[in-house]
N, C-alpha and C. Protein backbone atom coordinates (compact mmCIF):
# COMPACT_ATOMS: atom_id res chain seq x y z
N UNK A 1 -16.06 -14.82 -19.12
CA UNK A 1 -17.37 -15.32 -18.86
C UNK A 1 -18.19 -13.85 -18.79
N UNK A 2 -17.32 -12.76 -18.47
CA UNK A 2 -17.56 -11.43 -17.95
C UNK A 2 -18.86 -11.22 -18.29
N UNK A 3 -19.47 -10.21 -17.11
CA UNK A 3 -20.56 -9.55 -17.51
C UNK A 3 -20.58 -8.47 -16.87
N UNK A 4 -19.52 -7.48 -17.74
CA UNK A 4 -19.08 -6.27 -17.21
C UNK A 4 -20.25 -5.25 -17.18
N UNK A 5 -21.22 -5.12 -17.82
CA UNK A 5 -22.76 -4.56 -17.96
C UNK A 5 -23.33 -4.42 -16.50
N UNK A 6 -23.23 -5.77 -16.01
CA UNK A 6 -24.08 -5.93 -14.56
C UNK A 6 -23.09 -5.31 -13.50
N UNK A 7 -22.08 -5.52 -13.29
CA UNK A 7 -21.08 -4.78 -12.66
C UNK A 7 -21.16 -3.59 -12.64
N UNK A 8 -21.06 -3.09 -14.16
CA UNK A 8 -20.93 -1.39 -14.10
C UNK A 8 -22.21 -0.61 -13.68
N UNK A 9 -23.18 -1.46 -13.66
CA UNK A 9 -24.65 -0.50 -13.70
C UNK A 9 -24.69 -0.69 -12.06
N UNK A 10 -24.19 -2.17 -11.31
CA UNK A 10 -23.75 -2.17 -9.89
C UNK A 10 -23.20 -1.34 -9.38
N UNK A 11 -21.79 -0.79 -9.95
CA UNK A 11 -21.46 0.18 -9.15
C UNK A 11 -21.35 1.58 -9.39
N UNK A 12 -22.06 1.81 -10.75
CA UNK A 12 -22.65 3.41 -10.68
C UNK A 12 -23.95 3.64 -9.98
N UNK A 13 -24.78 2.44 -9.87
CA UNK A 13 -25.99 3.18 -9.36
C UNK A 13 -26.10 2.57 -8.08
N UNK A 14 -25.18 1.68 -7.62
CA UNK A 14 -25.24 1.25 -6.06
C UNK A 14 -24.19 1.43 -5.16
N UNK A 15 -23.18 0.69 -6.02
CA UNK A 15 -22.10 0.03 -4.75
C UNK A 15 -20.86 0.92 -4.73
N UNK A 16 -21.13 1.90 -5.80
CA UNK A 16 -19.86 3.08 -5.78
C UNK A 16 -20.38 4.12 -4.89
N UNK A 17 -21.67 4.54 -4.96
CA UNK A 17 -22.12 5.42 -4.21
C UNK A 17 -22.09 5.50 -2.62
N UNK A 18 -22.42 3.71 -2.39
CA UNK A 18 -22.18 3.60 -1.02
C UNK A 18 -21.27 3.79 -0.30
N UNK A 19 -20.09 3.02 -1.42
CA UNK A 19 -18.74 2.98 -0.91
C UNK A 19 -17.82 4.70 -0.92
N UNK A 20 -18.74 5.28 -1.76
CA UNK A 20 -17.80 6.76 -1.79
C UNK A 20 -18.28 7.44 -0.35
N UNK A 21 -19.67 7.04 0.12
CA UNK A 21 -20.15 7.85 0.98
C UNK A 21 -19.21 6.96 2.60
N UNK A 22 -18.99 5.91 2.35
CA UNK A 22 -18.20 5.50 3.49
C UNK A 22 -17.17 6.37 3.50
N UNK A 23 -16.16 6.39 2.49
CA UNK A 23 -14.90 7.04 2.87
C UNK A 23 -15.34 8.38 3.05
N UNK A 24 -16.14 9.25 2.45
CA UNK A 24 -16.09 10.63 2.97
C UNK A 24 -16.73 10.99 4.30
N UNK A 25 -16.83 10.48 4.86
CA UNK A 25 -17.59 10.57 6.26
C UNK A 25 -16.79 10.20 7.06
N UNK A 26 -16.57 10.50 8.34
CA UNK A 26 -15.44 10.67 9.64
C UNK A 26 -15.60 9.29 10.05
N UNK A 27 -17.30 8.74 10.12
CA UNK A 27 -17.13 7.74 11.22
C UNK A 27 -16.75 6.49 9.77
N UNK A 28 -17.15 6.43 8.26
CA UNK A 28 -16.38 5.42 7.45
C UNK A 28 -15.18 5.30 7.39
N UNK A 29 -14.51 6.30 7.77
CA UNK A 29 -12.84 6.35 7.34
C UNK A 29 -12.33 5.52 8.87
N UNK A 30 -12.95 6.12 10.25
CA UNK A 30 -12.46 5.47 11.05
C UNK A 30 -12.68 3.79 11.10
N UNK A 31 -14.01 3.52 10.60
CA UNK A 31 -14.17 2.07 10.26
C UNK A 31 -13.22 1.26 9.52
N UNK A 32 -12.96 2.12 8.42
CA UNK A 32 -11.85 1.38 7.23
C UNK A 32 -10.42 1.49 8.08
N UNK A 33 -10.13 2.53 8.64
CA UNK A 33 -8.96 2.55 9.64
C UNK A 33 -8.51 1.44 10.48
N UNK A 34 -9.87 1.12 11.27
CA UNK A 34 -9.92 -0.11 11.92
C UNK A 34 -9.54 -1.29 11.37
N UNK A 35 -10.54 -1.45 10.20
CA UNK A 35 -10.59 -2.98 9.59
C UNK A 35 -9.11 -2.84 8.99
N UNK A 36 -8.56 -2.13 8.58
CA UNK A 36 -7.31 -2.07 7.71
C UNK A 36 -6.27 -2.87 8.50
N UNK A 37 -6.13 -2.04 10.08
CA UNK A 37 -4.87 -2.14 11.17
C UNK A 37 -3.82 -1.91 10.15
N UNK A 38 -3.06 -3.02 10.21
CA UNK A 38 -1.65 -2.39 9.59
C UNK A 38 -1.43 -3.23 7.97
N UNK A 39 -2.38 -3.24 7.60
CA UNK A 39 -2.73 -4.02 6.65
C UNK A 39 -2.76 -3.37 5.27
N UNK A 40 -2.18 -3.28 4.24
CA UNK A 40 -2.50 -2.31 3.18
C UNK A 40 -3.80 -1.98 2.83
N UNK A 41 -4.55 -3.21 2.32
CA UNK A 41 -5.19 -3.36 1.33
C UNK A 41 -6.24 -4.67 2.46
N UNK A 42 -7.83 -5.01 1.89
CA UNK A 42 -8.62 -5.89 2.44
C UNK A 42 -9.17 -5.64 0.99
N UNK A 43 -9.73 -7.12 0.39
CA UNK A 43 -9.95 -7.47 -0.77
C UNK A 43 -11.28 -8.13 -0.52
N UNK A 44 -12.41 -7.76 -1.33
CA UNK A 44 -13.55 -8.31 -0.99
C UNK A 44 -14.19 -8.86 -2.30
N UNK A 45 -14.37 -10.04 -2.04
CA UNK A 45 -14.83 -10.66 -3.98
C UNK A 45 -16.15 -11.21 -3.64
N UNK A 46 -16.85 -10.55 -4.43
CA UNK A 46 -18.60 -10.87 -4.79
C UNK A 46 -18.87 -11.53 -6.06
N UNK A 47 -19.34 -12.62 -5.49
CA UNK A 47 -19.83 -14.03 -6.50
C UNK A 47 -21.18 -13.59 -7.22
N UNK A 48 -21.41 -13.57 -8.10
CA UNK A 48 -22.72 -13.90 -8.53
C UNK A 48 -23.39 -14.56 -8.74
N UNK A 49 -24.44 -14.94 -8.14
CA UNK A 49 -25.14 -16.49 -8.06
C UNK A 49 -26.95 -16.75 -9.08
N UNK A 50 -27.00 -15.30 -9.73
CA UNK A 50 -28.50 -15.28 -10.54
C UNK A 50 -27.77 -15.60 -11.83
N UNK A 51 -26.61 -15.38 -12.33
CA UNK A 51 -26.29 -16.06 -13.59
C UNK A 51 -24.67 -15.89 -13.56
N UNK A 52 -24.31 -16.61 -14.54
CA UNK A 52 -22.74 -16.81 -14.78
C UNK A 52 -22.29 -15.31 -14.95
N UNK A 53 -21.17 -14.90 -14.33
CA UNK A 53 -20.25 -13.71 -14.51
C UNK A 53 -19.18 -13.91 -13.82
N UNK A 54 -17.88 -13.23 -14.19
CA UNK A 54 -17.15 -13.57 -13.49
C UNK A 54 -17.02 -12.41 -12.23
N UNK A 55 -16.24 -12.79 -10.98
CA UNK A 55 -16.11 -11.88 -9.91
C UNK A 55 -15.95 -10.92 -9.75
N UNK A 56 -16.50 -9.80 -9.15
CA UNK A 56 -16.25 -8.44 -8.86
C UNK A 56 -15.13 -8.39 -7.75
N UNK A 57 -14.06 -8.05 -7.76
CA UNK A 57 -13.18 -7.24 -6.54
C UNK A 57 -12.95 -6.24 -5.74
N UNK A 58 -13.28 -5.67 -4.72
CA UNK A 58 -13.21 -4.89 -4.32
C UNK A 58 -11.77 -4.56 -3.39
N UNK A 59 -11.38 -3.45 -3.53
CA UNK A 59 -10.03 -3.21 -2.85
C UNK A 59 -10.05 -2.03 -2.09
N UNK A 60 -10.21 -2.32 -1.00
CA UNK A 60 -10.11 -0.86 0.55
C UNK A 60 -8.64 -0.67 0.77
N UNK A 61 -8.44 0.53 0.71
CA UNK A 61 -7.26 1.09 1.09
C UNK A 61 -7.77 2.18 1.88
N UNK A 62 -6.10 2.64 2.48
CA UNK A 62 -6.46 3.82 3.64
C UNK A 62 -7.26 4.96 2.60
N UNK A 63 -6.79 4.86 1.39
CA UNK A 63 -6.77 6.26 0.73
C UNK A 63 -8.30 5.79 -0.30
N UNK A 64 -8.52 4.93 -0.24
CA UNK A 64 -10.22 4.52 -0.98
C UNK A 64 -10.38 3.56 -1.81
N UNK A 65 -11.06 3.24 -2.57
CA UNK A 65 -11.31 1.92 -3.03
C UNK A 65 -11.13 1.76 -4.40
N UNK A 66 -11.24 0.71 -4.88
CA UNK A 66 -11.11 0.22 -6.16
C UNK A 66 -11.98 -1.00 -6.33
N UNK A 67 -12.23 -0.84 -7.31
CA UNK A 67 -13.37 -2.24 -8.15
C UNK A 67 -12.64 -2.92 -9.64
N UNK A 68 -12.50 -3.96 -9.73
CA UNK A 68 -12.00 -4.94 -10.94
C UNK A 68 -12.72 -5.87 -11.00
N UNK A 69 -13.29 -6.00 -12.51
CA UNK A 69 -13.99 -7.57 -12.67
C UNK A 69 -12.80 -8.63 -12.99
N UNK A 70 -12.80 -9.65 -12.16
CA UNK A 70 -11.61 -10.64 -12.58
C UNK A 70 -11.75 -11.52 -13.61
N UNK A 71 -10.95 -11.62 -14.39
CA UNK A 71 -11.07 -12.41 -15.51
C UNK A 71 -10.95 -14.02 -14.97
N UNK A 72 -11.40 -14.42 -16.14
CA UNK A 72 -11.49 -15.87 -15.86
C UNK A 72 -10.56 -16.64 -15.38
N UNK A 73 -10.17 -17.67 -14.44
CA UNK A 73 -9.51 -18.28 -14.17
C UNK A 73 -8.78 -17.66 -12.93
N UNK A 74 -8.97 -15.95 -13.02
CA UNK A 74 -8.15 -15.31 -12.20
C UNK A 74 -8.58 -14.98 -10.83
N UNK A 75 -7.79 -15.44 -9.70
CA UNK A 75 -8.20 -15.43 -8.41
C UNK A 75 -7.27 -14.86 -7.12
N UNK A 76 -7.36 -14.45 -6.34
CA UNK A 76 -6.89 -13.46 -5.07
C UNK A 76 -7.43 -13.63 -4.11
N UNK A 77 -6.53 -13.29 -2.74
CA UNK A 77 -6.74 -13.78 -1.54
C UNK A 77 -7.85 -12.98 -1.24
N UNK A 78 -8.87 -13.44 -0.71
CA UNK A 78 -10.04 -12.87 -0.51
C UNK A 78 -9.97 -12.62 1.05
N UNK A 79 -10.24 -11.44 1.58
CA UNK A 79 -10.57 -11.27 2.98
C UNK A 79 -11.87 -11.51 3.40
N UNK A 80 -12.58 -11.30 2.46
CA UNK A 80 -14.39 -11.50 2.56
C UNK A 80 -14.87 -12.21 1.60
N UNK A 81 -15.73 -13.35 1.10
CA UNK A 81 -16.33 -13.46 0.07
C UNK A 81 -17.66 -13.69 0.12
N UNK A 82 -18.18 -12.93 -0.58
CA UNK A 82 -19.85 -12.60 -0.85
C UNK A 82 -20.57 -13.34 -2.10
N UNK A 83 -21.37 -14.16 -2.01
CA UNK A 83 -22.11 -14.95 -2.62
C UNK A 83 -23.60 -14.03 -2.55
N UNK A 84 -24.01 -13.43 -3.65
CA UNK A 84 -25.14 -13.08 -4.03
C UNK A 84 -26.16 -12.75 -5.30
N UNK A 85 -27.47 -13.22 -4.93
CA UNK A 85 -27.99 -12.52 -5.78
C UNK A 85 -28.20 -11.58 -6.46
N UNK A 86 -28.56 -10.55 -7.46
CA UNK A 86 -28.47 -9.68 -7.68
C UNK A 86 -29.25 -8.65 -6.99
N UNK A 87 -30.57 -9.19 -6.59
CA UNK A 87 -31.52 -8.10 -5.40
C UNK A 87 -30.65 -8.05 -4.18
N UNK A 88 -30.51 -9.21 -3.48
CA UNK A 88 -29.75 -9.22 -2.84
C UNK A 88 -28.53 -8.42 -2.59
N UNK A 89 -27.69 -7.80 -3.32
CA UNK A 89 -26.22 -7.63 -3.34
C UNK A 89 -26.91 -5.93 -2.85
N UNK A 90 -28.08 -5.46 -4.13
CA UNK A 90 -28.68 -4.22 -3.88
C UNK A 90 -29.71 -3.86 -2.51
N UNK A 91 -30.33 -5.00 -1.98
CA UNK A 91 -31.32 -4.60 -1.15
C UNK A 91 -30.46 -5.09 -0.04
N UNK A 92 -29.58 -5.88 0.38
CA UNK A 92 -29.29 -5.98 1.65
C UNK A 92 -28.49 -4.71 2.24
N UNK A 93 -28.01 -3.95 1.74
CA UNK A 93 -27.47 -2.73 2.20
C UNK A 93 -28.47 -1.40 2.35
N UNK A 94 -29.53 -1.70 2.57
CA UNK A 94 -30.43 -1.05 2.65
C UNK A 94 -30.71 -0.84 4.63
N UNK A 95 -30.83 -1.85 4.99
CA UNK A 95 -31.01 -2.45 6.28
C UNK A 95 -30.35 -3.39 6.68
N UNK A 96 -30.20 -3.51 8.25
CA UNK A 96 -29.66 -4.98 8.82
C UNK A 96 -30.86 -5.82 9.02
N UNK A 97 -31.79 -5.61 9.09
CA UNK A 97 -33.30 -6.49 8.82
C UNK A 97 -33.12 -7.11 7.15
N UNK A 98 -33.03 -6.29 6.10
CA UNK A 98 -32.81 -6.62 5.21
C UNK A 98 -31.60 -8.07 4.70
N UNK A 99 -30.07 -7.69 5.28
CA UNK A 99 -29.23 -8.24 5.16
C UNK A 99 -29.47 -9.89 6.00
N UNK A 100 -30.00 -9.45 7.16
CA UNK A 100 -30.19 -11.22 7.79
C UNK A 100 -31.54 -11.65 7.25
N UNK A 101 -32.54 -11.22 6.39
CA UNK A 101 -33.51 -11.56 5.63
C UNK A 101 -32.86 -12.44 4.25
N UNK A 102 -32.00 -11.85 3.48
CA UNK A 102 -31.55 -12.67 2.72
C UNK A 102 -30.43 -13.73 2.73
N UNK A 103 -29.69 -13.25 4.51
CA UNK A 103 -28.79 -14.70 4.94
C UNK A 103 -29.72 -16.27 4.95
N UNK A 104 -30.74 -15.65 5.30
CA UNK A 104 -31.94 -16.40 5.83
C UNK A 104 -32.60 -17.25 4.74
N UNK A 105 -32.70 -16.76 3.84
CA UNK A 105 -33.24 -16.84 2.36
C UNK A 105 -32.43 -17.69 1.66
N UNK A 106 -30.86 -17.57 1.70
CA UNK A 106 -30.26 -17.83 0.96
C UNK A 106 -29.35 -17.43 -0.45
N UNK A 107 -30.17 -16.32 -0.53
CA UNK A 107 -30.05 -15.11 -1.53
C UNK A 107 -28.48 -14.39 -1.12
N UNK A 108 -27.74 -14.89 -0.06
CA UNK A 108 -26.84 -13.69 0.23
C UNK A 108 -26.02 -15.04 1.06
N UNK A 109 -24.96 -15.50 0.82
CA UNK A 109 -24.02 -16.26 1.33
C UNK A 109 -22.79 -16.04 1.91
N UNK A 110 -22.29 -15.99 2.73
CA UNK A 110 -20.79 -15.95 3.68
C UNK A 110 -20.07 -17.00 3.42
N UNK A 111 -19.79 -17.55 2.49
CA UNK A 111 -18.73 -18.92 2.97
C UNK A 111 -17.46 -18.68 3.91
N UNK A 112 -16.77 -17.50 3.88
CA UNK A 112 -15.79 -17.62 4.67
C UNK A 112 -16.14 -16.96 6.00
N UNK A 113 -17.08 -17.00 6.29
CA UNK A 113 -17.62 -16.12 7.85
C UNK A 113 -16.74 -16.59 8.99
N UNK A 114 -17.31 -18.01 9.19
CA UNK A 114 -16.35 -18.39 10.43
C UNK A 114 -14.86 -18.48 10.41
N UNK A 115 -14.17 -18.41 9.20
CA UNK A 115 -12.77 -18.23 9.03
C UNK A 115 -12.29 -17.02 9.43
N UNK A 116 -12.62 -15.74 9.19
CA UNK A 116 -12.50 -14.23 9.28
C UNK A 116 -13.72 -13.60 9.80
N UNK A 117 -13.96 -13.87 10.76
CA UNK A 117 -15.45 -13.32 11.58
C UNK A 117 -15.09 -11.80 11.54
N UNK A 118 -13.45 -11.39 12.02
CA UNK A 118 -13.61 -10.02 12.42
C UNK A 118 -13.10 -9.16 10.84
N UNK A 119 -12.97 -9.48 9.73
CA UNK A 119 -13.00 -9.51 8.56
C UNK A 119 -14.24 -8.86 8.10
N UNK A 120 -15.24 -9.90 7.86
CA UNK A 120 -17.08 -9.76 7.97
C UNK A 120 -17.48 -8.84 8.63
N UNK A 121 -17.32 -8.75 9.86
CA UNK A 121 -17.80 -7.57 10.78
C UNK A 121 -17.51 -6.22 10.39
N UNK A 122 -15.96 -5.76 9.95
CA UNK A 122 -15.75 -4.74 9.32
C UNK A 122 -16.52 -4.28 7.45
N UNK A 123 -16.64 -5.60 7.01
CA UNK A 123 -17.00 -5.19 5.97
C UNK A 123 -18.63 -4.58 5.76
N UNK A 124 -19.32 -5.53 7.02
CA UNK A 124 -20.39 -5.36 6.87
C UNK A 124 -21.04 -3.85 7.23
N UNK A 125 -20.20 -3.71 8.14
CA UNK A 125 -20.04 -2.24 8.75
C UNK A 125 -20.39 -1.11 7.61
N UNK A 126 -19.18 -1.25 6.97
CA UNK A 126 -19.12 -0.29 5.55
C UNK A 126 -20.13 -0.60 4.66
N UNK A 127 -20.51 -1.74 4.47
CA UNK A 127 -21.66 -2.12 3.43
C UNK A 127 -22.95 -1.64 3.91
N UNK A 128 -23.15 -1.37 5.04
CA UNK A 128 -24.67 -1.53 5.53
C UNK A 128 -24.35 0.04 5.84
N UNK A 129 -23.54 0.59 5.62
CA UNK A 129 -23.24 2.09 5.88
C UNK A 129 -24.00 2.60 7.13
N UNK A 130 -24.07 2.11 8.32
CA UNK A 130 -24.34 2.49 9.65
C UNK A 130 -25.69 2.61 9.39
N UNK A 131 -26.53 1.83 8.63
CA UNK A 131 -28.23 2.04 8.80
C UNK A 131 -28.34 0.63 9.02
N UNK A 132 -28.67 0.67 10.43
CA UNK A 132 -29.11 -0.89 10.96
C UNK A 132 -30.81 -0.86 11.47
N UNK A 133 -31.40 -0.09 10.56
CA UNK A 133 -32.76 -0.08 11.00
C UNK A 133 -33.70 -1.25 10.21
């Protein structure tokens, strides 16, 4: 069911740049280090709500991040699961206000939020990129 073109463009033009910035700055590195704690990596799975697509796995490690489209039927233990419409996936990282608006509209969902609130807190700090306007 892949939709590699969608994930490629999302990574190339938005998420990749955002995550590269997070790893480039001292504050971002500190946030990532605090999130990882003693864990070797943290997994964020993004599920597309607009159209059928395999999920995207983002793996965060001390030395950097990686992305992979999961094959149909493949699963991983997610620390954070994010379900999002395409526009919300791109727009919610612009500001905390946009993020909250997308949650209230239902175009962004965090199904594991109350099971792993610490993981979600750190992931959102990374994705929001320190922009809280």
